[in-house]
Amino acid sequence: MICGQWGAAYSSFEHEKIAVILGKLDPATVEALIAGLPTGFSDPRQQVVYELSSKLATKRVVPQRLFRRAQKLLGDAGIADVTVLMGWFTAVSFTLMAYDVPSNATGLDQ
């Protein structure tokens, strides 16, 4: 979602490919996340992560009811994990955008 939020072509392309290949997410859900369109999840933990990160990425205000639900499902450590990962993926997206890395770039061998 963060890669889609910032429009980082390479990371959006790679994460879309991974999510679909591994069967972790429905292709339509991945498409919605990248496009910034509303979507939903049947798993309550995934849903609260989606809602929390959506609010932080767009409105930057988390309503108390959502925060309490996130605390119940994720705990304070889980909420911190979500925010740290959002920050990390923001930094990755900015770096890729600064270097204008295209979606079809060839990565390094690992």
N, C-alpha and C. Protein backbone atom coordinates (compact mmCIF):
# COMPACT_ATOMS: atom_id res chain seq x y z
N MET A 1 0.81 -1.19 0.00
CA MET A 1 0.00 0.00 0.00
C MET A 1 0.86 1.26 0.00
N ILE A 2 1.94 1.26 0.77
CA ILE A 2 2.81 2.43 0.83
C ILE A 2 3.53 2.63 -0.50
N CYS A 3 3.97 1.55 -1.11
CA CYS A 3 4.62 1.68 -2.43
C CYS A 3 3.64 2.29 -3.42
N GLY A 4 2.39 1.87 -3.38
CA GLY A 4 1.37 2.44 -4.24
C GLY A 4 1.07 3.89 -3.89
N GLN A 5 1.08 4.19 -2.60
CA GLN A 5 0.83 5.56 -2.13
C GLN A 5 1.84 6.53 -2.72
N TRP A 6 3.10 6.12 -2.75
CA TRP A 6 4.15 7.01 -3.23
C TRP A 6 4.42 6.85 -4.72
N GLY A 7 3.86 5.85 -5.36
CA GLY A 7 4.02 5.69 -6.79
C GLY A 7 5.38 5.16 -7.21
N ALA A 8 5.99 4.34 -6.36
CA ALA A 8 7.28 3.74 -6.69
C ALA A 8 7.04 2.53 -7.60
N ALA A 9 7.31 2.70 -8.87
CA ALA A 9 6.96 1.68 -9.87
C ALA A 9 7.61 0.33 -9.60
N TYR A 10 8.92 0.32 -9.32
CA TYR A 10 9.63 -0.95 -9.15
C TYR A 10 9.10 -1.73 -7.95
N SER A 11 8.97 -1.08 -6.80
CA SER A 11 8.53 -1.82 -5.61
C SER A 11 7.08 -2.27 -5.73
N SER A 12 6.24 -1.45 -6.35
CA SER A 12 4.85 -1.87 -6.56
C SER A 12 4.79 -3.09 -7.45
N PHE A 13 5.55 -3.08 -8.55
CA PHE A 13 5.58 -4.19 -9.49
C PHE A 13 6.07 -5.46 -8.81
N GLU A 14 7.18 -5.37 -8.08
CA GLU A 14 7.76 -6.55 -7.43
C GLU A 14 6.84 -7.11 -6.34
N HIS A 15 6.26 -6.24 -5.53
CA HIS A 15 5.39 -6.73 -4.47
C HIS A 15 4.09 -7.30 -5.02
N GLU A 16 3.61 -6.72 -6.10
CA GLU A 16 2.42 -7.27 -6.75
C GLU A 16 2.70 -8.69 -7.24
N LYS A 17 3.84 -8.84 -7.89
CA LYS A 17 4.24 -10.15 -8.42
C LYS A 17 4.36 -11.18 -7.29
N ILE A 18 5.03 -10.80 -6.22
CA ILE A 18 5.25 -11.71 -5.09
C ILE A 18 3.92 -12.09 -4.44
N ALA A 19 3.06 -11.13 -4.19
CA ALA A 19 1.79 -11.40 -3.52
C ALA A 19 0.92 -12.35 -4.34
N VAL A 20 0.91 -12.16 -5.64
CA VAL A 20 0.07 -12.99 -6.50
C VAL A 20 0.70 -14.37 -6.69
N ILE A 21 2.00 -14.43 -6.94
CA ILE A 21 2.67 -15.72 -7.14
C ILE A 21 2.57 -16.60 -5.90
N LEU A 22 2.79 -16.02 -4.75
CA LEU A 22 2.73 -16.79 -3.50
C LEU A 22 1.29 -17.07 -3.08
N GLY A 23 0.35 -16.44 -3.74
CA GLY A 23 -1.05 -16.66 -3.40
C GLY A 23 -1.44 -16.07 -2.06
N LYS A 24 -0.69 -15.09 -1.60
CA LYS A 24 -0.97 -14.49 -0.30
C LYS A 24 -2.16 -13.54 -0.35
N LEU A 25 -2.35 -12.91 -1.49
CA LEU A 25 -3.46 -11.98 -1.65
C LEU A 25 -4.12 -12.18 -3.00
N ASP A 26 -5.39 -11.91 -3.03
CA ASP A 26 -6.15 -11.96 -4.27
C ASP A 26 -5.63 -10.87 -5.21
N PRO A 27 -5.44 -11.16 -6.49
CA PRO A 27 -4.94 -10.15 -7.43
C PRO A 27 -5.74 -8.85 -7.42
N ALA A 28 -7.05 -8.93 -7.27
CA ALA A 28 -7.87 -7.72 -7.24
C ALA A 28 -7.57 -6.88 -6.00
N THR A 29 -7.27 -7.54 -4.89
CA THR A 29 -6.91 -6.82 -3.66
C THR A 29 -5.58 -6.11 -3.84
N VAL A 30 -4.61 -6.80 -4.44
CA VAL A 30 -3.30 -6.20 -4.69
C VAL A 30 -3.45 -4.99 -5.60
N GLU A 31 -4.24 -5.15 -6.63
CA GLU A 31 -4.48 -4.05 -7.57
C GLU A 31 -5.08 -2.84 -6.85
N ALA A 32 -6.04 -3.09 -5.98
CA ALA A 32 -6.67 -2.00 -5.23
C ALA A 32 -5.67 -1.32 -4.30
N LEU A 33 -4.82 -2.09 -3.64
CA LEU A 33 -3.82 -1.51 -2.74
C LEU A 33 -2.87 -0.59 -3.50
N ILE A 34 -2.40 -1.04 -4.65
CA ILE A 34 -1.46 -0.25 -5.44
C ILE A 34 -2.13 1.00 -6.00
N ALA A 35 -3.38 0.86 -6.41
CA ALA A 35 -4.11 1.99 -7.01
C ALA A 35 -4.68 2.95 -5.97
N GLY A 36 -4.59 2.58 -4.70
CA GLY A 36 -5.16 3.43 -3.66
C GLY A 36 -6.67 3.37 -3.58
N LEU A 37 -7.22 2.27 -4.07
CA LEU A 37 -8.67 2.08 -4.03
C LEU A 37 -9.07 1.33 -2.76
N PRO A 38 -10.30 1.51 -2.29
CA PRO A 38 -10.74 0.79 -1.10
C PRO A 38 -10.76 -0.71 -1.34
N THR A 39 -10.42 -1.46 -0.32
CA THR A 39 -10.48 -2.91 -0.38
C THR A 39 -10.75 -3.41 1.02
N GLY A 40 -10.79 -4.70 1.20
CA GLY A 40 -11.05 -5.27 2.52
C GLY A 40 -10.46 -6.67 2.62
N PHE A 41 -10.40 -7.14 3.85
CA PHE A 41 -9.82 -8.45 4.14
C PHE A 41 -10.75 -9.23 5.06
N SER A 42 -10.84 -10.52 4.86
CA SER A 42 -11.69 -11.34 5.72
C SER A 42 -11.02 -11.61 7.07
N ASP A 43 -9.70 -11.62 7.10
CA ASP A 43 -8.97 -11.83 8.36
C ASP A 43 -8.99 -10.53 9.17
N PRO A 44 -9.47 -10.57 10.42
CA PRO A 44 -9.58 -9.34 11.21
C PRO A 44 -8.25 -8.62 11.44
N ARG A 45 -7.16 -9.37 11.59
CA ARG A 45 -5.85 -8.73 11.79
C ARG A 45 -5.40 -8.00 10.52
N GLN A 46 -5.56 -8.65 9.37
CA GLN A 46 -5.20 -8.00 8.12
C GLN A 46 -6.07 -6.76 7.90
N GLN A 47 -7.34 -6.86 8.24
CA GLN A 47 -8.25 -5.73 8.06
C GLN A 47 -7.83 -4.55 8.92
N VAL A 48 -7.48 -4.80 10.18
CA VAL A 48 -7.11 -3.69 11.05
C VAL A 48 -5.77 -3.09 10.64
N VAL A 49 -4.85 -3.91 10.14
CA VAL A 49 -3.58 -3.37 9.63
C VAL A 49 -3.86 -2.49 8.42
N TYR A 50 -4.73 -2.94 7.54
CA TYR A 50 -5.09 -2.16 6.36
C TYR A 50 -5.73 -0.82 6.77
N GLU A 51 -6.67 -0.87 7.68
CA GLU A 51 -7.36 0.36 8.10
C GLU A 51 -6.40 1.32 8.81
N LEU A 52 -5.58 0.78 9.70
CA LEU A 52 -4.61 1.60 10.43
C LEU A 52 -3.63 2.27 9.48
N SER A 53 -3.05 1.47 8.60
CA SER A 53 -2.06 2.03 7.67
C SER A 53 -2.71 2.99 6.68
N SER A 54 -3.94 2.72 6.28
CA SER A 54 -4.66 3.64 5.38
C SER A 54 -4.85 5.00 6.03
N LYS A 55 -5.26 4.98 7.28
CA LYS A 55 -5.47 6.26 7.98
C LYS A 55 -4.16 7.00 8.18
N LEU A 56 -3.12 6.28 8.56
CA LEU A 56 -1.83 6.93 8.77
C LEU A 56 -1.26 7.49 7.47
N ALA A 57 -1.46 6.79 6.37
CA ALA A 57 -0.89 7.21 5.08
C ALA A 57 -1.67 8.36 4.44
N THR A 58 -2.94 8.48 4.74
CA THR A 58 -3.74 9.50 4.07
C THR A 58 -4.16 10.62 5.02
N LYS A 59 -5.01 10.32 5.93
CA LYS A 59 -5.53 11.34 6.85
C LYS A 59 -4.53 11.69 7.94
N ARG A 60 -3.69 10.74 8.28
CA ARG A 60 -2.68 10.87 9.34
C ARG A 60 -3.30 11.05 10.72
N VAL A 61 -4.57 10.67 10.85
CA VAL A 61 -5.26 10.68 12.13
C VAL A 61 -5.94 9.32 12.29
N VAL A 62 -5.69 8.68 13.42
CA VAL A 62 -6.29 7.37 13.69
C VAL A 62 -7.40 7.57 14.72
N PRO A 63 -8.65 7.30 14.33
CA PRO A 63 -9.74 7.43 15.27
C PRO A 63 -9.56 6.49 16.47
N GLN A 64 -10.02 6.92 17.63
CA GLN A 64 -9.85 6.14 18.86
C GLN A 64 -10.42 4.73 18.76
N ARG A 65 -11.57 4.60 18.13
CA ARG A 65 -12.18 3.27 18.01
C ARG A 65 -11.29 2.33 17.19
N LEU A 66 -10.74 2.82 16.11
CA LEU A 66 -9.82 2.02 15.30
C LEU A 66 -8.56 1.70 16.10
N PHE A 67 -8.03 2.68 16.81
CA PHE A 67 -6.83 2.45 17.61
C PHE A 67 -7.07 1.37 18.65
N ARG A 68 -8.21 1.40 19.34
CA ARG A 68 -8.52 0.38 20.35
C ARG A 68 -8.66 -1.00 19.72
N ARG A 69 -9.27 -1.06 18.54
CA ARG A 69 -9.39 -2.34 17.83
C ARG A 69 -8.00 -2.87 17.44
N ALA A 70 -7.14 -1.96 16.96
CA ALA A 70 -5.77 -2.36 16.60
C ALA A 70 -5.01 -2.84 17.83
N GLN A 71 -5.16 -2.15 18.95
CA GLN A 71 -4.50 -2.58 20.18
C GLN A 71 -4.95 -3.97 20.58
N LYS A 72 -6.24 -4.23 20.48
CA LYS A 72 -6.78 -5.53 20.86
C LYS A 72 -6.25 -6.65 19.95
N LEU A 73 -6.20 -6.38 18.64
CA LEU A 73 -5.79 -7.42 17.68
C LEU A 73 -4.28 -7.53 17.50
N LEU A 74 -3.56 -6.40 17.61
CA LEU A 74 -2.13 -6.39 17.31
C LEU A 74 -1.26 -6.15 18.53
N GLY A 75 -1.81 -5.51 19.54
CA GLY A 75 -1.01 -5.09 20.68
C GLY A 75 -0.21 -3.85 20.33
N ASP A 76 0.38 -3.22 21.35
CA ASP A 76 1.17 -2.02 21.10
C ASP A 76 2.39 -2.32 20.23
N ALA A 77 3.01 -3.48 20.44
CA ALA A 77 4.17 -3.85 19.62
C ALA A 77 3.78 -4.02 18.15
N GLY A 78 2.60 -4.58 17.90
CA GLY A 78 2.13 -4.74 16.53
C GLY A 78 1.85 -3.41 15.86
N ILE A 79 1.28 -2.47 16.61
CA ILE A 79 1.04 -1.13 16.06
C ILE A 79 2.37 -0.47 15.73
N ALA A 80 3.34 -0.61 16.61
CA ALA A 80 4.67 -0.05 16.34
C ALA A 80 5.28 -0.70 15.11
N ASP A 81 5.13 -2.02 14.97
CA ASP A 81 5.65 -2.72 13.79
C ASP A 81 5.05 -2.15 12.50
N VAL A 82 3.75 -1.92 12.50
CA VAL A 82 3.08 -1.38 11.31
C VAL A 82 3.67 -0.02 10.97
N THR A 83 3.80 0.85 11.95
CA THR A 83 4.29 2.21 11.67
C THR A 83 5.75 2.20 11.22
N VAL A 84 6.57 1.35 11.82
CA VAL A 84 7.98 1.26 11.42
C VAL A 84 8.10 0.74 9.99
N LEU A 85 7.32 -0.29 9.66
CA LEU A 85 7.36 -0.82 8.30
C LEU A 85 6.87 0.20 7.28
N MET A 86 5.87 0.98 7.66
CA MET A 86 5.41 2.04 6.76
C MET A 86 6.52 3.06 6.51
N GLY A 87 7.24 3.41 7.54
CA GLY A 87 8.35 4.35 7.39
C GLY A 87 9.46 3.77 6.53
N TRP A 88 9.76 2.51 6.75
CA TRP A 88 10.83 1.86 5.98
C TRP A 88 10.45 1.80 4.49
N PHE A 89 9.22 1.39 4.21
CA PHE A 89 8.80 1.32 2.81
C PHE A 89 8.66 2.70 2.18
N THR A 90 8.40 3.72 2.98
CA THR A 90 8.41 5.09 2.46
C THR A 90 9.82 5.46 2.03
N ALA A 91 10.80 5.13 2.86
CA ALA A 91 12.21 5.42 2.53
C ALA A 91 12.64 4.65 1.27
N VAL A 92 12.25 3.39 1.19
CA VAL A 92 12.57 2.59 0.00
C VAL A 92 11.93 3.21 -1.24
N SER A 93 10.67 3.58 -1.13
CA SER A 93 9.95 4.18 -2.26
C SER A 93 10.62 5.48 -2.70
N PHE A 94 10.97 6.34 -1.74
CA PHE A 94 11.63 7.60 -2.08
C PHE A 94 12.96 7.37 -2.78
N THR A 95 13.72 6.39 -2.31
CA THR A 95 15.01 6.09 -2.93
C THR A 95 14.82 5.61 -4.36
N LEU A 96 13.88 4.69 -4.56
CA LEU A 96 13.61 4.19 -5.91
C LEU A 96 13.14 5.31 -6.83
N MET A 97 12.32 6.21 -6.29
CA MET A 97 11.82 7.32 -7.10
C MET A 97 12.93 8.32 -7.40
N ALA A 98 13.82 8.55 -6.45
CA ALA A 98 14.93 9.49 -6.66
C ALA A 98 15.83 9.03 -7.80
N TYR A 99 16.00 7.71 -7.90
CA TYR A 99 16.82 7.15 -8.96
C TYR A 99 16.00 6.76 -10.19
N ASP A 100 14.71 7.06 -10.16
CA ASP A 100 13.80 6.79 -11.26
C ASP A 100 13.91 5.34 -11.74
N VAL A 101 13.87 4.42 -10.78
CA VAL A 101 13.98 2.98 -11.09
C VAL A 101 12.67 2.52 -11.72
N PRO A 102 12.72 1.99 -12.95
CA PRO A 102 11.49 1.56 -13.62
C PRO A 102 11.00 0.23 -13.08
N SER A 103 9.75 -0.09 -13.38
CA SER A 103 9.17 -1.33 -12.88
C SER A 103 9.86 -2.57 -13.41
N ASN A 104 10.47 -2.46 -14.57
CA ASN A 104 11.11 -3.65 -15.19
C ASN A 104 12.62 -3.70 -14.94
N ALA A 105 13.11 -2.96 -13.93
CA ALA A 105 14.55 -2.96 -13.64
C ALA A 105 15.01 -4.34 -13.22
N THR A 106 16.23 -4.66 -13.57
CA THR A 106 16.82 -5.94 -13.18
C THR A 106 17.51 -5.75 -11.83
N GLY A 107 17.12 -6.58 -10.88
CA GLY A 107 17.74 -6.50 -9.55
C GLY A 107 19.10 -7.15 -9.52
N LEU A 108 19.77 -7.01 -8.40
CA LEU A 108 21.06 -7.64 -8.21
C LEU A 108 20.90 -9.09 -7.81
N ASP A 109 21.84 -9.93 -8.23
CA ASP A 109 21.82 -11.32 -7.79
C ASP A 109 22.13 -11.36 -6.31
N GLN A 110 21.44 -12.20 -5.60
CA GLN A 110 21.68 -12.30 -4.16
C GLN A 110 22.27 -13.66 -3.82
